[in-house]
Amino acid sequence: MQSILQDLFENQTGFLSKSNFLQDKITKSTGEILNKFEALDSEVKTVSGQEESIKNAMEKQNTRSRQILETTGDLTNITQMVKGGSTEMLAESKEVVHESKNLGAVIQKIAGGINEMAAGRNRSIELFGNFSFPNKFR
């Protein structure tokens, strides 16, 4: 009976230890997520503040409202161009990584070939050195 109780206690202790570990991990992950949401919230507030400033400027300067609208359209176009450029850069970066791996494989093959040639050269020198030549060739 005492053995059964001891086994139950050990199982419960192990479970509590794992449970505490998981709880700590969840707490840490939750904290990280909250920090990211806070950063995101801050960025949203910054953007909202910028939008409010633009709106107030448009209301104060009716004569320039058309220029501001045109500028906002230009910014949207630039943002789209930047987004497209970053997507293209990502694809090209992946291509560079792929080609770098290919280059690494080729370099390894070349290095292997050079090592084989050096070994063959050394073997040839070794074999050539074992031949006896008459004195007139020395």
C-alpha atoms as a PDB file:
ATOM      1  CA  MET A   1       0.000   0.000   0.000  1.00  0.00           C
ATOM      2  CA  GLN A   2       2.809   2.366   0.898  1.00  0.00           C
ATOM      3  CA  SER A   3       4.481   1.560  -2.447  1.00  0.00           C
ATOM      4  CA  ILE A   4       1.298   2.476  -4.321  1.00  0.00           C
ATOM      5  CA  LEU A   5       1.041   5.748  -2.421  1.00  0.00           C
ATOM      6  CA  GLN A   6       4.675   6.476  -3.064  1.00  0.00           C
ATOM      7  CA  ASP A   7       4.222   5.774  -6.817  1.00  0.00           C
ATOM      8  CA  LEU A   8       1.160   8.036  -6.890  1.00  0.00           C
ATOM      9  CA  PHE A   9       3.106  10.761  -5.083  1.00  0.00           C
ATOM     10  CA  GLU A  10       6.047  10.466  -7.501  1.00  0.00           C
ATOM     11  CA  ASN A  11       3.714  10.523 -10.513  1.00  0.00           C
ATOM     12  CA  GLN A  12       1.914  13.538  -9.088  1.00  0.00           C
ATOM     13  CA  THR A  13       5.238  15.279  -8.378  1.00  0.00           C
ATOM     14  CA  GLY A  14       6.404  14.605 -11.954  1.00  0.00           C
ATOM     15  CA  PHE A  15       3.093  15.829 -13.310  1.00  0.00           C
ATOM     16  CA  LEU A  16       3.282  18.973 -11.182  1.00  0.00           C
ATOM     17  CA  SER A  17       6.847  19.590 -12.301  1.00  0.00           C
ATOM     18  CA  LYS A  18       5.848  19.242 -15.971  1.00  0.00           C
ATOM     19  CA  SER A  19       2.750  21.290 -15.321  1.00  0.00           C
ATOM     20  CA  ASN A  20       4.810  24.077 -13.731  1.00  0.00           C
ATOM     21  CA  PHE A  21       7.255  23.978 -16.635  1.00  0.00           C
ATOM     22  CA  LEU A  22       4.431  24.228 -19.165  1.00  0.00           C
ATOM     23  CA  GLN A  23       2.750  26.963 -17.164  1.00  0.00           C
ATOM     24  CA  ASP A  24       6.003  28.944 -17.069  1.00  0.00           C
ATOM     25  CA  LYS A  25       6.464  28.453 -20.801  1.00  0.00           C
ATOM     26  CA  ILE A  26       2.878  29.561 -21.482  1.00  0.00           C
ATOM     27  CA  THR A  27       3.331  32.573 -19.213  1.00  0.00           C
ATOM     28  CA  LYS A  28       6.543  33.550 -20.999  1.00  0.00           C
ATOM     29  CA  SER A  29       4.953  33.096 -24.439  1.00  0.00           C
ATOM     30  CA  THR A  30       1.906  35.084 -23.348  1.00  0.00           C
ATOM     31  CA  GLY A  31       4.172  37.877 -22.149  1.00  0.00           C
ATOM     32  CA  GLU A  32       6.008  37.913 -25.459  1.00  0.00           C
ATOM     33  CA  ILE A  33       2.723  38.032 -27.351  1.00  0.00           C
ATOM     34  CA  LEU A  34       1.468  40.851 -25.142  1.00  0.00           C
ATOM     35  CA  ASN A  35       4.675  42.792 -25.791  1.00  0.00           C
ATOM     36  CA  LYS A  36       4.190  42.349 -29.529  1.00  0.00           C
ATOM     37  CA  PHE A  37       0.575  43.474 -29.296  1.00  0.00           C
ATOM     38  CA  GLU A  38       1.651  46.514 -27.263  1.00  0.00           C
ATOM     39  CA  ALA A  39       4.237  47.389 -29.909  1.00  0.00           C
ATOM     40  CA  LEU A  40       1.615  46.913 -32.606  1.00  0.00           C
ATOM     41  CA  ASP A  41      -0.857  49.045 -30.653  1.00  0.00           C
ATOM     42  CA  SER A  42       1.772  51.770 -30.345  1.00  0.00           C
ATOM     43  CA  GLU A  43       2.395  51.684 -34.091  1.00  0.00           C
ATOM     44  CA  VAL A  44      -1.349  51.831 -34.775  1.00  0.00           C
ATOM     45  CA  LYS A  45      -1.631  54.842 -32.461  1.00  0.00           C
ATOM     46  CA  THR A  46       1.272  56.490 -34.257  1.00  0.00           C
ATOM     47  CA  VAL A  47      -0.399  55.915 -37.617  1.00  0.00           C
ATOM     48  CA  SER A  48      -3.717  57.127 -36.200  1.00  0.00           C
ATOM     49  CA  GLY A  49      -2.024  60.258 -34.901  1.00  0.00           C
ATOM     50  CA  GLN A  50      -0.448  60.858 -38.277  1.00  0.00           C
ATOM     51  CA  GLU A  51      -3.812  60.421 -39.982  1.00  0.00           C
ATOM     52  CA  GLU A  52      -5.394  62.916 -37.577  1.00  0.00           C
ATOM     53  CA  SER A  53      -2.642  65.423 -38.282  1.00  0.00           C
ATOM     54  CA  ILE A  54      -3.225  65.077 -42.016  1.00  0.00           C
ATOM     55  CA  LYS A  55      -6.957  65.524 -41.557  1.00  0.00           C
ATOM     56  CA  ASN A  56      -6.470  68.691 -39.458  1.00  0.00           C
ATOM     57  CA  ALA A  57      -4.020  70.100 -41.970  1.00  0.00           C
ATOM     58  CA  MET A  58      -6.522  69.508 -44.780  1.00  0.00           C
ATOM     59  CA  GLU A  59      -9.293  71.251 -42.840  1.00  0.00           C
ATOM     60  CA  LYS A  60      -7.051  74.258 -42.018  1.00  0.00           C
ATOM     61  CA  GLN A  61      -5.701  74.618 -45.495  1.00  0.00           C
ATOM     62  CA  ASN A  62      -8.583  74.272 -47.940  1.00  0.00           C
ATOM     63  CA  THR A  63      -6.499  75.838 -50.665  1.00  0.00           C
ATOM     64  CA  ARG A  64      -3.960  73.000 -50.415  1.00  0.00           C
ATOM     65  CA  SER A  65      -6.381  70.094 -50.010  1.00  0.00           C
ATOM     66  CA  ARG A  66      -5.943  69.020 -53.609  1.00  0.00           C
ATOM     67  CA  GLN A  67      -2.145  68.880 -53.233  1.00  0.00           C
ATOM     68  CA  ILE A  68      -2.452  66.839 -50.042  1.00  0.00           C
ATOM     69  CA  LEU A  69      -4.786  64.348 -51.732  1.00  0.00           C
ATOM     70  CA  GLU A  70      -2.390  64.030 -54.651  1.00  0.00           C
ATOM     71  CA  THR A  71       0.511  63.519 -52.245  1.00  0.00           C
ATOM     72  CA  THR A  72      -1.430  60.849 -50.346  1.00  0.00           C
ATOM     73  CA  GLY A  73      -2.071  59.065 -53.642  1.00  0.00           C
ATOM     74  CA  ASP A  74       1.619  59.311 -54.474  1.00  0.00           C
ATOM     75  CA  LEU A  75       2.518  57.828 -51.081  1.00  0.00           C
ATOM     76  CA  THR A  76       0.139  54.939 -51.711  1.00  0.00           C
ATOM     77  CA  ASN A  77       1.768  54.324 -55.079  1.00  0.00           C
ATOM     78  CA  ILE A  78       5.234  54.479 -53.521  1.00  0.00           C
ATOM     79  CA  THR A  79       4.133  52.100 -50.788  1.00  0.00           C
ATOM     80  CA  GLN A  80       2.858  49.662 -53.402  1.00  0.00           C
ATOM     81  CA  MET A  81       6.116  49.984 -55.338  1.00  0.00           C
ATOM     82  CA  VAL A  82       8.136  49.391 -52.170  1.00  0.00           C
ATOM     83  CA  LYS A  83       5.948  46.399 -51.299  1.00  0.00           C
ATOM     84  CA  GLY A  84       6.393  44.984 -54.788  1.00  0.00           C
ATOM     85  CA  GLY A  85      10.126  45.626 -54.613  1.00  0.00           C
ATOM     86  CA  SER A  86      10.439  43.917 -51.253  1.00  0.00           C
ATOM     87  CA  THR A  87       8.516  40.898 -52.552  1.00  0.00           C
ATOM     88  CA  GLU A  88      10.817  40.756 -55.540  1.00  0.00           C
ATOM     89  CA  MET A  89      13.873  41.137 -53.295  1.00  0.00           C
ATOM     90  CA  LEU A  90      12.637  38.249 -51.142  1.00  0.00           C
ATOM     91  CA  ALA A  91      12.254  36.019 -54.180  1.00  0.00           C
ATOM     92  CA  GLU A  92      15.675  37.034 -55.471  1.00  0.00           C
ATOM     93  CA  SER A  93      17.209  36.459 -52.030  1.00  0.00           C
ATOM     94  CA  LYS A  94      15.811  32.945 -52.057  1.00  0.00           C
ATOM     95  CA  GLU A  95      17.317  32.479 -55.508  1.00  0.00           C
ATOM     96  CA  VAL A  96      20.695  33.735 -54.235  1.00  0.00           C
ATOM     97  CA  VAL A  97      20.562  31.302 -51.320  1.00  0.00           C
ATOM     98  CA  HIS A  98      19.705  28.474 -53.705  1.00  0.00           C
ATOM     99  CA  GLU A  99      22.502  29.401 -56.101  1.00  0.00           C
ATOM    100  CA  SER A 100      24.935  29.778 -53.183  1.00  0.00           C
ATOM    101  CA  LYS A 101      24.164  26.220 -52.143  1.00  0.00           C
ATOM    102  CA  ASN A 102      24.733  25.089 -55.722  1.00  0.00           C
ATOM    103  CA  LEU A 103      28.008  27.014 -55.820  1.00  0.00           C
ATOM    104  CA  GLY A 104      29.070  25.372 -52.572  1.00  0.00           C
ATOM    105  CA  ALA A 105      28.414  21.937 -54.065  1.00  0.00           C
ATOM    106  CA  VAL A 106      30.415  22.819 -57.180  1.00  0.00           C
ATOM    107  CA  ILE A 107      33.291  24.142 -55.068  1.00  0.00           C
ATOM    108  CA  GLN A 108      33.285  20.905 -53.077  1.00  0.00           C
ATOM    109  CA  LYS A 109      33.424  18.886 -56.310  1.00  0.00           C
ATOM    110  CA  ILE A 110      36.293  21.032 -57.607  1.00  0.00           C
ATOM    111  CA  ALA A 111      38.163  20.690 -54.318  1.00  0.00           C
ATOM    112  CA  GLY A 112      37.645  16.914 -54.470  1.00  0.00           C
ATOM    113  CA  GLY A 113      38.957  16.849 -58.027  1.00  0.00           C
ATOM    114  CA  ILE A 114      42.003  18.901 -57.066  1.00  0.00           C
ATOM    115  CA  ASN A 115      42.688  16.589 -54.151  1.00  0.00           C
ATOM    116  CA  GLU A 116      42.404  13.564 -56.449  1.00  0.00           C
ATOM    117  CA  MET A 117      44.782  15.188 -58.960  1.00  0.00           C
ATOM    118  CA  ALA A 118      47.260  16.031 -56.194  1.00  0.00           C
ATOM    119  CA  ALA A 119      47.111  12.467 -54.909  1.00  0.00           C
ATOM    120  CA  GLY A 120      47.647  11.154 -58.445  1.00  0.00           C
ATOM    121  CA  ARG A 121      50.565  13.548 -58.954  1.00  0.00           C
ATOM    122  CA  ASN A 122      52.141  12.477 -55.678  1.00  0.00           C
ATOM    123  CA  ARG A 123      51.682   8.823 -56.643  1.00  0.00           C
ATOM    124  CA  SER A 124      53.265   9.486 -60.061  1.00  0.00           C
ATOM    125  CA  ILE A 125      56.250  11.180 -58.439  1.00  0.00           C
ATOM    126  CA  GLU A 126      56.557   8.276 -56.042  1.00  0.00           C
ATOM    127  CA  LEU A 127      56.421   5.726 -58.872  1.00  0.00           C
ATOM    128  CA  PHE A 128      58.751   7.765 -61.078  1.00  0.00           C
ATOM    129  CA  GLY A 129      61.280   8.040 -58.247  1.00  0.00           C
ATOM    130  CA  ASN A 130      61.450   4.231 -58.009  1.00  0.00           C
ATOM    131  CA  PHE A 131      62.863   3.895 -61.560  1.00  0.00           C
ATOM    132  CA  SER A 132      66.618   3.562 -62.071  1.00  0.00           C
ATOM    133  CA  PHE A 133      68.164   5.681 -64.791  1.00  0.00           C
ATOM    134  CA  PRO A 134      71.579   5.349 -66.361  1.00  0.00           C
ATOM    135  CA  ASN A 135      74.132   7.965 -65.319  1.00  0.00           C
ATOM    136  CA  LYS A 136      73.801   9.954 -68.550  1.00  0.00           C
ATOM    137  CA  PHE A 137      70.236  10.971 -67.619  1.00  0.00           C
ATOM    138  CA  ARG A 138      71.134  12.196 -64.182  1.00  0.00           C
END
